[in-house]
Amino acid sequence: MAVQELTAEQKIRQQLTGSPFADPQFQHEGGDVIRWITGGNQPDLHVTFHREGERITVKCATCKNILGYLPVSLFGRKRTKGERYSRVAH
């Protein structure tokens, strides 16, 4: 039986999952996920989100200081094209 060469995609899957055919699973929720906020004339931020009841606490990913709060309701529905999160309560 001949050994089949893996494609570039299969090699990446092999590195991430241990199998060239498995789909990788990435964590995308929770307090350990660092989000990069960029845009406008303010400096970029690296933050974490922490759900606390009806609000989400936004913390600096480096120093862990609280930067502000977002209502959970912002994440319970899909935004329309061009809609932004305009309210951050401090």
N, C-alpha and C. Protein backbone atom coordinates (compact mmCIF):
# COMPACT_ATOMS: atom_id res chain seq x y z
N MET A 1 0.85 -1.18 0.00
CA MET A 1 0.00 0.00 0.00
C MET A 1 0.89 1.25 0.00
N ALA A 2 0.64 2.18 -0.89
CA ALA A 2 1.43 3.40 -1.00
C ALA A 2 1.00 4.40 0.05
N VAL A 3 1.96 5.15 0.56
CA VAL A 3 1.67 6.19 1.54
C VAL A 3 1.22 7.44 0.78
N GLN A 4 0.07 7.94 1.13
CA GLN A 4 -0.49 9.12 0.46
C GLN A 4 0.04 10.38 1.12
N GLU A 5 0.47 11.34 0.30
CA GLU A 5 0.90 12.63 0.81
C GLU A 5 -0.31 13.42 1.30
N LEU A 6 -0.14 14.10 2.40
CA LEU A 6 -1.23 14.93 2.92
C LEU A 6 -1.20 16.29 2.22
N THR A 7 -2.40 16.85 2.02
CA THR A 7 -2.50 18.21 1.49
C THR A 7 -2.12 19.19 2.59
N ALA A 8 -1.92 20.45 2.24
CA ALA A 8 -1.60 21.47 3.24
C ALA A 8 -2.71 21.56 4.28
N GLU A 9 -3.97 21.51 3.83
CA GLU A 9 -5.10 21.56 4.77
C GLU A 9 -5.07 20.38 5.72
N GLN A 10 -4.80 19.19 5.19
CA GLN A 10 -4.76 18.00 6.03
C GLN A 10 -3.61 18.05 7.04
N LYS A 11 -2.48 18.64 6.64
CA LYS A 11 -1.35 18.79 7.56
C LYS A 11 -1.73 19.72 8.72
N ILE A 12 -2.44 20.78 8.41
CA ILE A 12 -2.88 21.71 9.45
C ILE A 12 -3.87 21.02 10.39
N ARG A 13 -4.82 20.31 9.81
CA ARG A 13 -5.79 19.56 10.63
C ARG A 13 -5.07 18.56 11.54
N GLN A 14 -4.05 17.89 10.99
CA GLN A 14 -3.26 16.91 11.75
C GLN A 14 -2.60 17.58 12.96
N GLN A 15 -2.02 18.76 12.74
CA GLN A 15 -1.37 19.49 13.83
C GLN A 15 -2.36 19.94 14.90
N LEU A 16 -3.54 20.40 14.48
CA LEU A 16 -4.53 20.94 15.42
C LEU A 16 -5.31 19.87 16.16
N THR A 17 -5.61 18.76 15.47
CA THR A 17 -6.53 17.78 16.05
C THR A 17 -5.94 16.39 16.25
N GLY A 18 -4.82 16.13 15.61
CA GLY A 18 -4.26 14.78 15.67
C GLY A 18 -4.74 13.89 14.54
N SER A 19 -5.68 14.38 13.74
CA SER A 19 -6.21 13.63 12.60
C SER A 19 -6.27 14.55 11.39
N PRO A 20 -5.83 14.08 10.22
CA PRO A 20 -5.89 14.94 9.04
C PRO A 20 -7.30 15.17 8.52
N PHE A 21 -8.29 14.49 9.11
CA PHE A 21 -9.66 14.59 8.61
C PHE A 21 -10.64 15.19 9.62
N ALA A 22 -10.19 15.45 10.85
CA ALA A 22 -11.08 15.98 11.90
C ALA A 22 -11.20 17.50 11.78
N ASP A 23 -12.36 18.01 12.17
CA ASP A 23 -12.59 19.46 12.20
C ASP A 23 -12.08 20.01 13.52
N PRO A 24 -11.24 21.05 13.49
CA PRO A 24 -10.76 21.65 14.74
C PRO A 24 -11.88 22.34 15.49
N GLN A 25 -11.81 22.31 16.79
CA GLN A 25 -12.78 22.99 17.65
C GLN A 25 -12.06 24.12 18.37
N PHE A 26 -12.52 25.35 18.16
CA PHE A 26 -11.90 26.51 18.77
C PHE A 26 -12.84 27.10 19.81
N GLN A 27 -12.27 27.50 20.93
CA GLN A 27 -13.07 28.16 21.97
C GLN A 27 -13.40 29.57 21.48
N HIS A 28 -14.68 29.94 21.53
CA HIS A 28 -15.08 31.26 21.08
C HIS A 28 -15.98 31.97 22.09
N GLU A 29 -16.15 31.37 23.25
CA GLU A 29 -16.95 31.98 24.31
C GLU A 29 -16.20 31.84 25.63
N GLY A 30 -16.51 32.71 26.56
CA GLY A 30 -15.97 32.60 27.90
C GLY A 30 -14.92 33.64 28.22
N GLY A 31 -14.56 33.71 29.47
CA GLY A 31 -13.65 34.72 29.97
C GLY A 31 -12.20 34.54 29.56
N ASP A 32 -11.84 33.40 29.00
CA ASP A 32 -10.46 33.17 28.57
C ASP A 32 -10.22 33.59 27.13
N VAL A 33 -11.28 33.92 26.40
CA VAL A 33 -11.15 34.33 25.01
C VAL A 33 -10.82 35.82 24.95
N ILE A 34 -9.71 36.14 24.32
CA ILE A 34 -9.28 37.55 24.19
C ILE A 34 -9.80 38.09 22.87
N ARG A 35 -10.48 39.22 22.96
CA ARG A 35 -11.03 39.88 21.77
C ARG A 35 -10.21 41.13 21.47
N TRP A 36 -10.02 41.38 20.19
CA TRP A 36 -9.26 42.54 19.75
C TRP A 36 -10.24 43.56 19.24
N ILE A 37 -10.30 44.72 19.87
CA ILE A 37 -11.20 45.80 19.46
C ILE A 37 -10.35 46.88 18.81
N THR A 38 -10.69 47.22 17.58
CA THR A 38 -9.90 48.17 16.83
C THR A 38 -10.82 49.07 16.02
N GLY A 39 -10.29 50.17 15.56
CA GLY A 39 -11.06 51.07 14.72
C GLY A 39 -11.18 52.45 15.32
N GLY A 40 -11.51 53.40 14.48
CA GLY A 40 -11.65 54.76 14.94
C GLY A 40 -10.30 55.38 15.26
N ASN A 41 -10.33 56.43 16.08
CA ASN A 41 -9.08 57.12 16.40
C ASN A 41 -8.55 56.77 17.78
N GLN A 42 -9.15 55.80 18.44
CA GLN A 42 -8.69 55.35 19.75
C GLN A 42 -7.70 54.19 19.58
N PRO A 43 -6.85 53.97 20.58
CA PRO A 43 -5.91 52.84 20.49
C PRO A 43 -6.65 51.50 20.48
N ASP A 44 -6.03 50.49 19.91
CA ASP A 44 -6.60 49.14 19.92
C ASP A 44 -6.67 48.62 21.37
N LEU A 45 -7.63 47.75 21.62
CA LEU A 45 -7.81 47.13 22.93
C LEU A 45 -7.81 45.63 22.79
N HIS A 46 -7.27 44.95 23.77
CA HIS A 46 -7.41 43.51 23.90
C HIS A 46 -8.20 43.30 25.18
N VAL A 47 -9.41 42.74 25.04
CA VAL A 47 -10.32 42.64 26.18
C VAL A 47 -10.87 41.23 26.33
N THR A 48 -11.43 40.98 27.51
CA THR A 48 -12.18 39.75 27.76
C THR A 48 -13.58 40.14 28.20
N PHE A 49 -14.55 39.28 27.90
CA PHE A 49 -15.94 39.50 28.29
C PHE A 49 -16.30 38.51 29.40
N HIS A 50 -17.00 39.01 30.42
CA HIS A 50 -17.41 38.17 31.55
C HIS A 50 -18.88 38.43 31.84
N ARG A 51 -19.71 37.43 31.61
CA ARG A 51 -21.15 37.60 31.86
C ARG A 51 -21.42 37.60 33.35
N GLU A 52 -22.16 38.61 33.77
CA GLU A 52 -22.57 38.76 35.17
C GLU A 52 -24.04 39.15 35.18
N GLY A 53 -24.92 38.17 35.24
CA GLY A 53 -26.35 38.45 35.23
C GLY A 53 -26.80 39.02 33.90
N GLU A 54 -27.36 40.22 33.93
CA GLU A 54 -27.91 40.86 32.74
C GLU A 54 -26.92 41.80 32.05
N ARG A 55 -25.66 41.73 32.45
CA ARG A 55 -24.67 42.57 31.80
C ARG A 55 -23.39 41.78 31.57
N ILE A 56 -22.56 42.29 30.67
CA ILE A 56 -21.26 41.71 30.39
C ILE A 56 -20.21 42.72 30.81
N THR A 57 -19.33 42.28 31.69
CA THR A 57 -18.24 43.13 32.13
C THR A 57 -17.10 43.01 31.13
N VAL A 58 -16.60 44.15 30.67
CA VAL A 58 -15.49 44.19 29.72
C VAL A 58 -14.23 44.54 30.51
N LYS A 59 -13.22 43.63 30.44
CA LYS A 59 -11.99 43.83 31.20
C LYS A 59 -10.79 43.87 30.26
N CYS A 60 -9.78 44.63 30.64
CA CYS A 60 -8.51 44.64 29.91
C CYS A 60 -7.90 43.24 30.02
N ALA A 61 -7.48 42.67 28.89
CA ALA A 61 -6.91 41.32 28.90
C ALA A 61 -5.56 41.28 29.60
N THR A 62 -4.87 42.42 29.69
CA THR A 62 -3.54 42.45 30.29
C THR A 62 -3.60 42.70 31.79
N CYS A 63 -4.22 43.81 32.19
CA CYS A 63 -4.21 44.18 33.62
C CYS A 63 -5.47 43.73 34.37
N LYS A 64 -6.48 43.26 33.64
CA LYS A 64 -7.75 42.76 34.21
C LYS A 64 -8.62 43.85 34.83
N ASN A 65 -8.30 45.13 34.61
CA ASN A 65 -9.15 46.21 35.10
C ASN A 65 -10.45 46.25 34.32
N ILE A 66 -11.53 46.61 34.98
CA ILE A 66 -12.83 46.73 34.33
C ILE A 66 -12.84 48.01 33.50
N LEU A 67 -13.18 47.86 32.22
CA LEU A 67 -13.24 49.00 31.31
C LEU A 67 -14.66 49.52 31.12
N GLY A 68 -15.65 48.66 31.34
CA GLY A 68 -17.03 49.06 31.15
C GLY A 68 -17.96 47.86 31.15
N TYR A 69 -19.20 48.11 30.78
CA TYR A 69 -20.23 47.09 30.80
C TYR A 69 -21.06 47.16 29.52
N LEU A 70 -21.55 46.01 29.08
CA LEU A 70 -22.46 45.91 27.95
C LEU A 70 -23.69 45.14 28.39
N PRO A 71 -24.88 45.53 27.93
CA PRO A 71 -26.07 44.72 28.26
C PRO A 71 -26.03 43.40 27.51
N VAL A 72 -26.43 42.33 28.18
CA VAL A 72 -26.47 41.01 27.55
C VAL A 72 -27.37 41.02 26.32
N SER A 73 -28.38 41.86 26.32
CA SER A 73 -29.33 41.90 25.20
C SER A 73 -28.65 42.22 23.87
N LEU A 74 -27.50 42.88 23.90
CA LEU A 74 -26.78 43.16 22.65
C LEU A 74 -26.35 41.89 21.94
N PHE A 75 -26.13 40.82 22.69
CA PHE A 75 -25.62 39.58 22.13
C PHE A 75 -26.71 38.55 21.90
N GLY A 76 -27.95 38.90 22.21
CA GLY A 76 -29.05 37.95 22.07
C GLY A 76 -29.72 38.00 20.72
N ARG A 77 -29.29 38.89 19.86
CA ARG A 77 -29.91 39.00 18.54
C ARG A 77 -28.83 39.34 17.53
N LYS A 78 -29.15 39.11 16.27
CA LYS A 78 -28.21 39.46 15.21
C LYS A 78 -28.35 40.93 14.88
N ARG A 79 -27.22 41.58 14.66
CA ARG A 79 -27.24 42.98 14.27
C ARG A 79 -27.53 43.08 12.78
N THR A 80 -28.14 44.17 12.40
CA THR A 80 -28.35 44.41 10.98
C THR A 80 -27.08 44.98 10.38
N LYS A 81 -26.95 44.90 9.08
CA LYS A 81 -25.75 45.38 8.42
C LYS A 81 -25.53 46.86 8.75
N GLY A 82 -24.32 47.18 9.18
CA GLY A 82 -23.98 48.55 9.50
C GLY A 82 -24.32 48.98 10.92
N GLU A 83 -25.07 48.19 11.66
CA GLU A 83 -25.42 48.54 13.03
C GLU A 83 -24.22 48.33 13.94
N ARG A 84 -24.03 49.23 14.88
CA ARG A 84 -22.89 49.15 15.78
C ARG A 84 -23.35 49.10 17.23
N TYR A 85 -22.45 48.66 18.09
CA TYR A 85 -22.72 48.73 19.52
C TYR A 85 -22.37 50.13 19.97
N SER A 86 -23.37 50.96 20.16
CA SER A 86 -23.10 52.35 20.45
C SER A 86 -23.15 52.67 21.94
N ARG A 87 -23.71 51.77 22.75
CA ARG A 87 -23.86 52.07 24.18
C ARG A 87 -22.90 51.21 25.00
N VAL A 88 -21.99 51.85 25.66
CA VAL A 88 -21.15 51.19 26.66
C VAL A 88 -21.29 52.01 27.93
N ALA A 89 -21.93 51.42 28.93
CA ALA A 89 -22.15 52.13 30.19
C ALA A 89 -20.97 51.93 31.12
N HIS A 90 -20.51 53.00 31.73
CA HIS A 90 -19.40 52.90 32.69
C HIS A 90 -19.93 53.02 34.09
